All heavy atoms as atom14 arrays in JSON, in Angstrom:
{
  "sequence": "DSYVAGLALSELSGGLDDDDIPTLWACITDLDKILPLIGDEYCRS",
  "atom14_mask": [
    [1, 1, 1, 1, 1, 1, 1, 1, 0, 0, 0, 0, 0, 0],
    [1, 1, 1, 1, 1, 1, 0, 0, 0, 0, 0, 0, 0, 0],
    [1, 1, 1, 1, 1, 1, 1, 1, 1, 1, 1, 1, 0, 0],
    [1, 1, 1, 1, 1, 1, 1, 0, 0, 0, 0, 0, 0, 0],
    [1, 1, 1, 1, 1, 0, 0, 0, 0, 0, 0, 0, 0, 0],
    [1, 1, 1, 1, 0, 0, 0, 0, 0, 0, 0, 0, 0, 0],
    [1, 1, 1, 1, 1, 1, 1, 1, 0, 0, 0, 0, 0, 0],
    [1, 1, 1, 1, 1, 0, 0, 0, 0, 0, 0, 0, 0, 0],
    [1, 1, 1, 1, 1, 1, 1, 1, 0, 0, 0, 0, 0, 0],
    [1, 1, 1, 1, 1, 1, 0, 0, 0, 0, 0, 0, 0, 0],
    [1, 1, 1, 1, 1, 1, 1, 1, 1, 0, 0, 0, 0, 0],
    [1, 1, 1, 1, 1, 1, 1, 1, 0, 0, 0, 0, 0, 0],
    [1, 1, 1, 1, 1, 1, 0, 0, 0, 0, 0, 0, 0, 0],
    [1, 1, 1, 1, 0, 0, 0, 0, 0, 0, 0, 0, 0, 0],
    [1, 1, 1, 1, 0, 0, 0, 0, 0, 0, 0, 0, 0, 0],
    [1, 1, 1, 1, 1, 1, 1, 1, 0, 0, 0, 0, 0, 0],
    [1, 1, 1, 1, 1, 1, 1, 1, 0, 0, 0, 0, 0, 0],
    [1, 1, 1, 1, 1, 1, 1, 1, 0, 0, 0, 0, 0, 0],
    [1, 1, 1, 1, 1, 1, 1, 1, 0, 0, 0, 0, 0, 0],
    [1, 1, 1, 1, 1, 1, 1, 1, 0, 0, 0, 0, 0, 0],
    [1, 1, 1, 1, 1, 1, 1, 1, 0, 0, 0, 0, 0, 0],
    [1, 1, 1, 1, 1, 1, 1, 0, 0, 0, 0, 0, 0, 0],
    [1, 1, 1, 1, 1, 1, 1, 0, 0, 0, 0, 0, 0, 0],
    [1, 1, 1, 1, 1, 1, 1, 1, 0, 0, 0, 0, 0, 0],
    [1, 1, 1, 1, 1, 1, 1, 1, 1, 1, 1, 1, 1, 1],
    [1, 1, 1, 1, 1, 0, 0, 0, 0, 0, 0, 0, 0, 0],
    [1, 1, 1, 1, 1, 1, 0, 0, 0, 0, 0, 0, 0, 0],
    [1, 1, 1, 1, 1, 1, 1, 1, 0, 0, 0, 0, 0, 0],
    [1, 1, 1, 1, 1, 1, 1, 0, 0, 0, 0, 0, 0, 0],
    [1, 1, 1, 1, 1, 1, 1, 1, 0, 0, 0, 0, 0, 0],
    [1, 1, 1, 1, 1, 1, 1, 1, 0, 0, 0, 0, 0, 0],
    [1, 1, 1, 1, 1, 1, 1, 1, 0, 0, 0, 0, 0, 0],
    [1, 1, 1, 1, 1, 1, 1, 1, 1, 0, 0, 0, 0, 0],
    [1, 1, 1, 1, 1, 1, 1, 1, 0, 0, 0, 0, 0, 0],
    [1, 1, 1, 1, 1, 1, 1, 1, 0, 0, 0, 0, 0, 0],
    [1, 1, 1, 1, 1, 1, 1, 0, 0, 0, 0, 0, 0, 0],
    [1, 1, 1, 1, 1, 1, 1, 1, 0, 0, 0, 0, 0, 0],
    [1, 1, 1, 1, 1, 1, 1, 1, 0, 0, 0, 0, 0, 0],
    [1, 1, 1, 1, 0, 0, 0, 0, 0, 0, 0, 0, 0, 0],
    [1, 1, 1, 1, 1, 1, 1, 1, 0, 0, 0, 0, 0, 0],
    [1, 1, 1, 1, 1, 1, 1, 1, 1, 0, 0, 0, 0, 0],
    [1, 1, 1, 1, 1, 1, 1, 1, 1, 1, 1, 1, 0, 0],
    [1, 1, 1, 1, 1, 1, 0, 0, 0, 0, 0, 0, 0, 0],
    [1, 1, 1, 1, 1, 1, 1, 1, 1, 1, 1, 0, 0, 0],
    [1, 1, 1, 1, 1, 1, 0, 0, 0, 0, 0, 0, 0, 0]
  ],
  "atom14_positions": [
    [[0.84, -1.14, -0.01], [0.02, 0.01, -0.02], [0.87, 1.28, -0.02], [0.67, 2.21, -0.81], [-0.87, -0.04, 1.23], [-1.81, 1.21, 1.36], [-2.43, 1.55, 0.34], [-1.83, 1.77, 2.52], [0.0, 0.0, 0.0], [0.0, 0.0, 0.0], [0.0, 0.0, 0.0], [0.0, 0.0, 0.0], [0.0, 0.0, 0.0], [0.0, 0.0, 0.0]],
    [[1.91, 1.27, 0.81], [2.77, 2.39, 0.99], [3.55, 2.64, -0.38], [3.66, 3.77, -0.78], [3.8, 2.13, 2.08], [4.71, 3.15, 2.19], [0.0, 0.0, 0.0], [0.0, 0.0, 0.0], [0.0, 0.0, 0.0], [0.0, 0.0, 0.0], [0.0, 0.0, 0.0], [0.0, 0.0, 0.0], [0.0, 0.0, 0.0], [0.0, 0.0, 0.0]],
    [[4.02, 1.54, -0.99], [4.81, 1.71, -2.22], [3.9, 2.3, -3.32], [4.31, 3.21, -4.08], [5.37, 0.38, -2.69], [6.45, -0.21, -1.92], [6.61, -1.58, -1.75], [7.38, 0.65, -1.27], [7.63, -2.1, -0.97], [8.42, 0.08, -0.47], [8.55, -1.26, -0.41], [9.56, -1.77, 0.37], [0.0, 0.0, 0.0], [0.0, 0.0, 0.0]],
    [[2.69, 1.75, -3.49], [1.78, 2.3, -4.51], [1.4, 3.72, -4.24], [1.32, 4.56, -5.2], [0.59, 1.39, -4.74], [-0.4, 1.98, -5.8], [0.99, 0.0, -5.16], [0.0, 0.0, 0.0], [0.0, 0.0, 0.0], [0.0, 0.0, 0.0], [0.0, 0.0, 0.0], [0.0, 0.0, 0.0], [0.0, 0.0, 0.0], [0.0, 0.0, 0.0]],
    [[1.22, 4.11, -2.96], [0.92, 5.44, -2.6], [2.03, 6.36, -3.02], [1.8, 7.46, -3.59], [0.61, 5.61, -1.14], [0.0, 0.0, 0.0], [0.0, 0.0, 0.0], [0.0, 0.0, 0.0], [0.0, 0.0, 0.0], [0.0, 0.0, 0.0], [0.0, 0.0, 0.0], [0.0, 0.0, 0.0], [0.0, 0.0, 0.0], [0.0, 0.0, 0.0]],
    [[3.27, 5.98, -2.73], [4.37, 6.79, -3.17], [4.49, 6.98, -4.67], [4.73, 8.07, -5.14], [0.0, 0.0, 0.0], [0.0, 0.0, 0.0], [0.0, 0.0, 0.0], [0.0, 0.0, 0.0], [0.0, 0.0, 0.0], [0.0, 0.0, 0.0], [0.0, 0.0, 0.0], [0.0, 0.0, 0.0], [0.0, 0.0, 0.0], [0.0, 0.0, 0.0]],
    [[4.21, 5.86, -5.4], [4.24, 5.96, -6.8], [3.13, 6.93, -7.3], [3.37, 7.66, -8.31], [4.05, 4.58, -7.42], [5.26, 3.62, -7.17], [4.82, 2.18, -7.46], [6.48, 3.98, -8.02], [0.0, 0.0, 0.0], [0.0, 0.0, 0.0], [0.0, 0.0, 0.0], [0.0, 0.0, 0.0], [0.0, 0.0, 0.0], [0.0, 0.0, 0.0]],
    [[2.0, 6.74, -6.76], [0.84, 7.61, -7.2], [1.2, 9.13, -6.92], [1.02, 10.01, -7.84], [-0.45, 7.23, -6.45], [0.0, 0.0, 0.0], [0.0, 0.0, 0.0], [0.0, 0.0, 0.0], [0.0, 0.0, 0.0], [0.0, 0.0, 0.0], [0.0, 0.0, 0.0], [0.0, 0.0, 0.0], [0.0, 0.0, 0.0], [0.0, 0.0, 0.0]],
    [[1.73, 9.44, -5.74], [2.13, 10.83, -5.44], [3.22, 11.33, -6.44], [3.17, 12.4, -6.94], [2.59, 10.92, -4.03], [1.47, 10.8, -2.97], [2.07, 10.7, -1.53], [0.49, 11.86, -3.08], [0.0, 0.0, 0.0], [0.0, 0.0, 0.0], [0.0, 0.0, 0.0], [0.0, 0.0, 0.0], [0.0, 0.0, 0.0], [0.0, 0.0, 0.0]],
    [[4.18, 10.43, -6.77], [5.25, 10.88, -7.67], [4.64, 11.14, -9.12], [4.92, 12.12, -9.76], [6.27, 9.76, -7.77], [7.01, 9.63, -6.63], [0.0, 0.0, 0.0], [0.0, 0.0, 0.0], [0.0, 0.0, 0.0], [0.0, 0.0, 0.0], [0.0, 0.0, 0.0], [0.0, 0.0, 0.0], [0.0, 0.0, 0.0], [0.0, 0.0, 0.0]],
    [[3.79, 10.24, -9.52], [3.16, 10.37, -10.78], [2.34, 11.63, -10.91], [2.45, 12.38, -11.93], [2.28, 9.09, -11.12], [1.61, 9.2, -12.47], [2.54, 9.11, -13.68], [3.73, 8.85, -13.49], [2.06, 9.25, -14.77], [0.0, 0.0, 0.0], [0.0, 0.0, 0.0], [0.0, 0.0, 0.0], [0.0, 0.0, 0.0], [0.0, 0.0, 0.0]],
    [[1.61, 11.97, -9.91], [0.76, 13.15, -9.89], [1.52, 14.43, -9.76], [1.04, 15.46, -10.1], [-0.29, 12.97, -8.86], [-1.42, 11.94, -9.1], [-2.26, 11.73, -7.83], [-2.31, 12.33, -10.23], [0.0, 0.0, 0.0], [0.0, 0.0, 0.0], [0.0, 0.0, 0.0], [0.0, 0.0, 0.0], [0.0, 0.0, 0.0], [0.0, 0.0, 0.0]],
    [[2.8, 14.32, -9.27], [3.54, 15.59, -9.08], [4.67, 15.71, -10.09], [5.61, 16.37, -9.85], [4.15, 15.57, -7.64], [5.03, 14.54, -7.44], [0.0, 0.0, 0.0], [0.0, 0.0, 0.0], [0.0, 0.0, 0.0], [0.0, 0.0, 0.0], [0.0, 0.0, 0.0], [0.0, 0.0, 0.0], [0.0, 0.0, 0.0], [0.0, 0.0, 0.0]],
    [[4.53, 15.0, -11.2], [5.53, 15.21, -12.25], [5.97, 13.98, -12.99], [6.61, 14.03, -14.02], [0.0, 0.0, 0.0], [0.0, 0.0, 0.0], [0.0, 0.0, 0.0], [0.0, 0.0, 0.0], [0.0, 0.0, 0.0], [0.0, 0.0, 0.0], [0.0, 0.0, 0.0], [0.0, 0.0, 0.0], [0.0, 0.0, 0.0], [0.0, 0.0, 0.0]],
    [[5.68, 12.84, -12.43], [5.97, 11.5, -13.1], [7.08, 10.76, -12.38], [7.73, 11.29, -11.5], [0.0, 0.0, 0.0], [0.0, 0.0, 0.0], [0.0, 0.0, 0.0], [0.0, 0.0, 0.0], [0.0, 0.0, 0.0], [0.0, 0.0, 0.0], [0.0, 0.0, 0.0], [0.0, 0.0, 0.0], [0.0, 0.0, 0.0], [0.0, 0.0, 0.0]],
    [[7.13, 9.49, -12.77], [8.12, 8.59, -12.07], [9.54, 8.85, -12.68], [9.65, 9.24, -13.79], [7.66, 7.13, -12.36], [6.36, 6.69, -11.94], [6.16, 5.19, -12.08], [6.04, 7.08, -10.47], [0.0, 0.0, 0.0], [0.0, 0.0, 0.0], [0.0, 0.0, 0.0], [0.0, 0.0, 0.0], [0.0, 0.0, 0.0], [0.0, 0.0, 0.0]],
    [[10.49, 8.59, -11.88], [11.85, 8.63, -12.4], [12.22, 7.16, -12.7], [11.47, 6.27, -12.46], [12.84, 9.27, -11.42], [12.94, 8.6, -10.04], [12.82, 7.31, -10.03], [13.18, 9.24, -9.05], [0.0, 0.0, 0.0], [0.0, 0.0, 0.0], [0.0, 0.0, 0.0], [0.0, 0.0, 0.0], [0.0, 0.0, 0.0], [0.0, 0.0, 0.0]],
    [[13.42, 6.99, -13.27], [13.85, 5.74, -13.73], [13.91, 4.65, -12.65], [13.63, 3.45, -12.91], [15.19, 5.83, -14.45], [15.11, 6.52, -15.83], [13.99, 6.61, -16.37], [16.13, 6.92, -16.28], [0.0, 0.0, 0.0], [0.0, 0.0, 0.0], [0.0, 0.0, 0.0], [0.0, 0.0, 0.0], [0.0, 0.0, 0.0], [0.0, 0.0, 0.0]],
    [[14.17, 5.11, -11.41], [14.25, 4.17, -10.26], [12.9, 3.68, -9.85], [12.77, 2.61, -9.23], [14.99, 4.82, -9.09], [16.46, 5.04, -9.36], [17.02, 4.38, -10.24], [17.01, 6.01, -8.76], [0.0, 0.0, 0.0], [0.0, 0.0, 0.0], [0.0, 0.0, 0.0], [0.0, 0.0, 0.0], [0.0, 0.0, 0.0], [0.0, 0.0, 0.0]],
    [[11.89, 4.46, -10.15], [10.45, 4.13, -9.68], [9.83, 3.05, -10.62], [8.96, 2.32, -10.2], [9.57, 5.32, -9.76], [9.94, 6.35, -8.67], [10.4, 5.99, -7.65], [9.66, 7.56, -8.9], [0.0, 0.0, 0.0], [0.0, 0.0, 0.0], [0.0, 0.0, 0.0], [0.0, 0.0, 0.0], [0.0, 0.0, 0.0], [0.0, 0.0, 0.0]],
    [[10.27, 2.98, -11.84], [9.58, 2.14, -12.85], [9.66, 0.65, -12.37], [8.68, 0.0, -12.39], [10.1, 2.35, -14.33], [9.66, 3.88, -14.59], [9.46, 1.43, -15.23], [10.22, 4.42, -15.85], [0.0, 0.0, 0.0], [0.0, 0.0, 0.0], [0.0, 0.0, 0.0], [0.0, 0.0, 0.0], [0.0, 0.0, 0.0], [0.0, 0.0, 0.0]],
    [[10.83, 0.09, -12.03], [10.88, -1.29, -11.62], [10.08, -1.53, -10.36], [9.38, -2.6, -10.26], [12.36, -1.53, -11.29], [13.12, -0.52, -12.02], [12.23, 0.73, -12.12], [0.0, 0.0, 0.0], [0.0, 0.0, 0.0], [0.0, 0.0, 0.0], [0.0, 0.0, 0.0], [0.0, 0.0, 0.0], [0.0, 0.0, 0.0], [0.0, 0.0, 0.0]],
    [[9.89, -0.52, -9.47], [9.06, -0.68, -8.31], [7.64, -0.74, -8.71], [6.86, -1.58, -8.16], [9.3, 0.53, -7.35], [10.67, 0.63, -6.91], [8.39, 0.47, -6.13], [0.0, 0.0, 0.0], [0.0, 0.0, 0.0], [0.0, 0.0, 0.0], [0.0, 0.0, 0.0], [0.0, 0.0, 0.0], [0.0, 0.0, 0.0], [0.0, 0.0, 0.0]],
    [[7.19, 0.03, -9.69], [5.87, 0.01, -10.18], [5.53, -1.35, -10.66], [4.47, -1.95, -10.35], [5.68, 1.05, -11.28], [4.39, 0.92, -12.06], [3.15, 1.29, -11.22], [4.42, 1.91, -13.36], [0.0, 0.0, 0.0], [0.0, 0.0, 0.0], [0.0, 0.0, 0.0], [0.0, 0.0, 0.0], [0.0, 0.0, 0.0], [0.0, 0.0, 0.0]],
    [[6.39, -1.95, -11.54], [6.06, -3.28, -12.15], [6.07, -4.39, -11.02], [5.35, -5.28, -11.11], [7.03, -3.57, -13.32], [6.67, -2.56, -14.41], [7.4, -1.54, -14.85], [5.48, -2.66, -15.17], [6.75, -0.89, -15.96], [5.59, -1.55, -16.07], [4.35, -3.43, -15.25], [4.58, -1.26, -17.03], [3.36, -3.09, -16.19], [3.53, -2.05, -17.07]],
    [[6.97, -4.18, -10.04], [7.01, -5.26, -8.91], [5.73, -5.11, -8.1], [5.09, -6.12, -7.83], [8.23, -4.94, -8.0], [0.0, 0.0, 0.0], [0.0, 0.0, 0.0], [0.0, 0.0, 0.0], [0.0, 0.0, 0.0], [0.0, 0.0, 0.0], [0.0, 0.0, 0.0], [0.0, 0.0, 0.0], [0.0, 0.0, 0.0], [0.0, 0.0, 0.0]],
    [[5.2, -3.88, -7.95], [3.86, -3.75, -7.21], [2.76, -4.33, -7.98], [1.87, -5.01, -7.41], [3.65, -2.28, -6.95], [4.62, -1.5, -5.7], [0.0, 0.0, 0.0], [0.0, 0.0, 0.0], [0.0, 0.0, 0.0], [0.0, 0.0, 0.0], [0.0, 0.0, 0.0], [0.0, 0.0, 0.0], [0.0, 0.0, 0.0], [0.0, 0.0, 0.0]],
    [[2.75, -4.15, -9.29], [1.69, -4.74, -10.17], [1.77, -6.27, -10.0], [0.76, -6.96, -9.88], [1.79, -4.26, -11.58], [1.35, -2.78, -11.65], [0.96, -5.12, -12.53], [1.61, -2.06, -12.97], [0.0, 0.0, 0.0], [0.0, 0.0, 0.0], [0.0, 0.0, 0.0], [0.0, 0.0, 0.0], [0.0, 0.0, 0.0], [0.0, 0.0, 0.0]],
    [[2.96, -6.79, -10.09], [3.11, -8.3, -9.97], [2.58, -8.75, -8.59], [1.84, -9.72, -8.56], [4.62, -8.63, -10.09], [5.02, -8.29, -11.46], [4.78, -10.18, -9.96], [0.0, 0.0, 0.0], [0.0, 0.0, 0.0], [0.0, 0.0, 0.0], [0.0, 0.0, 0.0], [0.0, 0.0, 0.0], [0.0, 0.0, 0.0], [0.0, 0.0, 0.0]],
    [[2.92, -8.0, -7.56], [2.45, -8.44, -6.24], [0.98, -8.29, -6.13], [0.32, -9.18, -5.49], [3.17, -7.58, -5.14], [4.63, -8.01, -4.89], [5.0, -9.07, -5.35], [5.34, -7.23, -4.23], [0.0, 0.0, 0.0], [0.0, 0.0, 0.0], [0.0, 0.0, 0.0], [0.0, 0.0, 0.0], [0.0, 0.0, 0.0], [0.0, 0.0, 0.0]],
    [[0.39, -7.24, -6.64], [-1.06, -7.06, -6.6], [-1.79, -8.18, -7.27], [-2.73, -8.75, -6.86], [-1.41, -5.67, -7.15], [-1.13, -4.51, -6.21], [-1.07, -3.22, -6.99], [-2.07, -4.41, -5.08], [0.0, 0.0, 0.0], [0.0, 0.0, 0.0], [0.0, 0.0, 0.0], [0.0, 0.0, 0.0], [0.0, 0.0, 0.0], [0.0, 0.0, 0.0]],
    [[-1.23, -8.48, -8.48], [-1.87, -9.6, -9.26], [-1.75, -10.95, -8.57], [-2.63, -11.8, -8.69], [-1.25, -9.68, -10.68], [-1.67, -8.49, -11.58], [-2.61, -7.76, -11.23], [-1.02, -8.33, -12.58], [0.0, 0.0, 0.0], [0.0, 0.0, 0.0], [0.0, 0.0, 0.0], [0.0, 0.0, 0.0], [0.0, 0.0, 0.0], [0.0, 0.0, 0.0]],
    [[-0.75, -11.06, -7.68], [-0.54, -12.34, -6.98], [-1.44, -12.36, -5.76], [-1.98, -13.44, -5.54], [0.94, -12.38, -6.52], [1.27, -13.67, -5.73], [2.71, -13.94, -5.48], [3.54, -12.72, -4.96], [4.85, -13.12, -4.57], [0.0, 0.0, 0.0], [0.0, 0.0, 0.0], [0.0, 0.0, 0.0], [0.0, 0.0, 0.0], [0.0, 0.0, 0.0]],
    [[-1.63, -11.31, -5.09], [-2.46, -11.45, -3.87], [-3.87, -11.24, -4.02], [-4.68, -11.8, -3.24], [-1.93, -10.34, -2.73], [-2.17, -8.95, -3.27], [-0.46, -10.62, -2.43], [-2.21, -7.86, -2.2], [0.0, 0.0, 0.0], [0.0, 0.0, 0.0], [0.0, 0.0, 0.0], [0.0, 0.0, 0.0], [0.0, 0.0, 0.0], [0.0, 0.0, 0.0]],
    [[-4.33, -10.49, -5.05], [-5.78, -10.2, -5.15], [-6.66, -11.44, -5.14], [-7.67, -11.53, -4.45], [-6.09, -9.33, -6.37], [-5.86, -7.84, -6.09], [-5.91, -7.07, -7.48], [-6.96, -7.33, -5.15], [0.0, 0.0, 0.0], [0.0, 0.0, 0.0], [0.0, 0.0, 0.0], [0.0, 0.0, 0.0], [0.0, 0.0, 0.0], [0.0, 0.0, 0.0]],
    [[-6.31, -12.56, -5.91], [-7.15, -13.65, -5.82], [-7.13, -14.38, -4.51], [-8.0, -15.26, -4.25], [-6.57, -14.67, -6.91], [-5.62, -13.81, -7.71], [-5.21, -12.67, -6.85], [0.0, 0.0, 0.0], [0.0, 0.0, 0.0], [0.0, 0.0, 0.0], [0.0, 0.0, 0.0], [0.0, 0.0, 0.0], [0.0, 0.0, 0.0], [0.0, 0.0, 0.0]],
    [[-6.15, -14.08, -3.63], [-6.07, -14.72, -2.36], [-6.74, -14.04, -1.18], [-6.73, -14.56, -0.07], [-4.53, -14.96, -2.02], [-3.77, -15.7, -3.07], [-2.28, -15.72, -2.72], [-4.31, -17.13, -3.28], [0.0, 0.0, 0.0], [0.0, 0.0, 0.0], [0.0, 0.0, 0.0], [0.0, 0.0, 0.0], [0.0, 0.0, 0.0], [0.0, 0.0, 0.0]],
    [[-7.2, -12.84, -1.42], [-7.83, -12.04, -0.38], [-9.26, -12.42, -0.28], [-10.06, -12.23, -1.23], [-7.67, -10.54, -0.63], [-6.11, -10.15, -0.62], [-8.42, -9.71, 0.45], [-5.93, -8.69, -1.0], [0.0, 0.0, 0.0], [0.0, 0.0, 0.0], [0.0, 0.0, 0.0], [0.0, 0.0, 0.0], [0.0, 0.0, 0.0], [0.0, 0.0, 0.0]],
    [[-9.73, -12.94, 0.84], [-11.07, -13.38, 1.1], [-12.01, -12.26, 1.58], [-13.15, -12.31, 1.34], [0.0, 0.0, 0.0], [0.0, 0.0, 0.0], [0.0, 0.0, 0.0], [0.0, 0.0, 0.0], [0.0, 0.0, 0.0], [0.0, 0.0, 0.0], [0.0, 0.0, 0.0], [0.0, 0.0, 0.0], [0.0, 0.0, 0.0], [0.0, 0.0, 0.0]],
    [[-11.46, -11.27, 2.29], [-12.22, -10.19, 2.88], [-12.69, -9.26, 1.81], [-11.75, -8.7, 1.05], [-11.4, -9.53, 3.9], [-12.15, -8.34, 4.59], [-12.84, -8.62, 5.56], [-11.89, -7.19, 4.12], [0.0, 0.0, 0.0], [0.0, 0.0, 0.0], [0.0, 0.0, 0.0], [0.0, 0.0, 0.0], [0.0, 0.0, 0.0], [0.0, 0.0, 0.0]],
    [[-13.95, -8.95, 1.73], [-14.51, -8.12, 0.62], [-13.91, -6.72, 0.61], [-13.49, -6.18, -0.38], [-15.96, -8.12, 0.7], [-16.61, -7.36, -0.42], [-18.14, -7.36, -0.46], [-18.75, -8.34, 0.19], [-18.73, -6.43, -0.97], [0.0, 0.0, 0.0], [0.0, 0.0, 0.0], [0.0, 0.0, 0.0], [0.0, 0.0, 0.0], [0.0, 0.0, 0.0]],
    [[-13.83, -6.09, 1.77], [-13.36, -4.69, 1.82], [-11.89, -4.68, 1.51], [-11.49, -3.81, 0.74], [-13.55, -4.06, 3.26], [-12.99, -2.73, 3.3], [-13.69, -1.61, 2.72], [-11.76, -2.41, 3.92], [-13.15, -0.32, 2.77], [-11.2, -1.18, 3.92], [-11.92, -0.19, 3.42], [-11.33, 1.1, 3.34], [0.0, 0.0, 0.0], [0.0, 0.0, 0.0]],
    [[-11.12, -5.59, 2.1], [-9.69, -5.59, 1.81], [-9.44, -5.84, 0.28], [-8.59, -5.17, -0.35], [-8.97, -6.69, 2.54], [-7.16, -6.63, 2.4], [0.0, 0.0, 0.0], [0.0, 0.0, 0.0], [0.0, 0.0, 0.0], [0.0, 0.0, 0.0], [0.0, 0.0, 0.0], [0.0, 0.0, 0.0], [0.0, 0.0, 0.0], [0.0, 0.0, 0.0]],
    [[-10.17, -6.76, -0.33], [-10.09, -6.97, -1.75], [-10.36, -5.76, -2.55], [-9.71, -5.48, -3.46], [-10.98, -8.2, -2.15], [-10.64, -8.61, -3.63], [-11.43, -9.86, -4.03], [-12.77, -9.96, -3.55], [-13.16, -10.73, -2.6], [-12.4, -11.56, -1.95], [-14.48, -10.78, -2.22], [0.0, 0.0, 0.0], [0.0, 0.0, 0.0], [0.0, 0.0, 0.0]],
    [[-11.49, -5.04, -2.24], [-11.77, -3.84, -2.95], [-10.73, -2.76, -2.79], [-10.47, -2.04, -3.7], [-13.18, -3.3, -2.6], [-13.17, -2.66, -1.36], [0.0, 0.0, 0.0], [0.0, 0.0, 0.0], [0.0, 0.0, 0.0], [0.0, 0.0, 0.0], [0.0, 0.0, 0.0], [0.0, 0.0, 0.0], [0.0, 0.0, 0.0], [0.0, 0.0, 0.0]]
  ]
}
């Protein structure tokens, strides 16, 4: 949650730098991995 928040703030304030891009793709990979495993409706949303 913290990583994606930081990425969002960076994107909204001028864009990601080269160091942020691998973090973005790692977060997407992690989100795609965990979403099917979250049983709680609020947490999943």
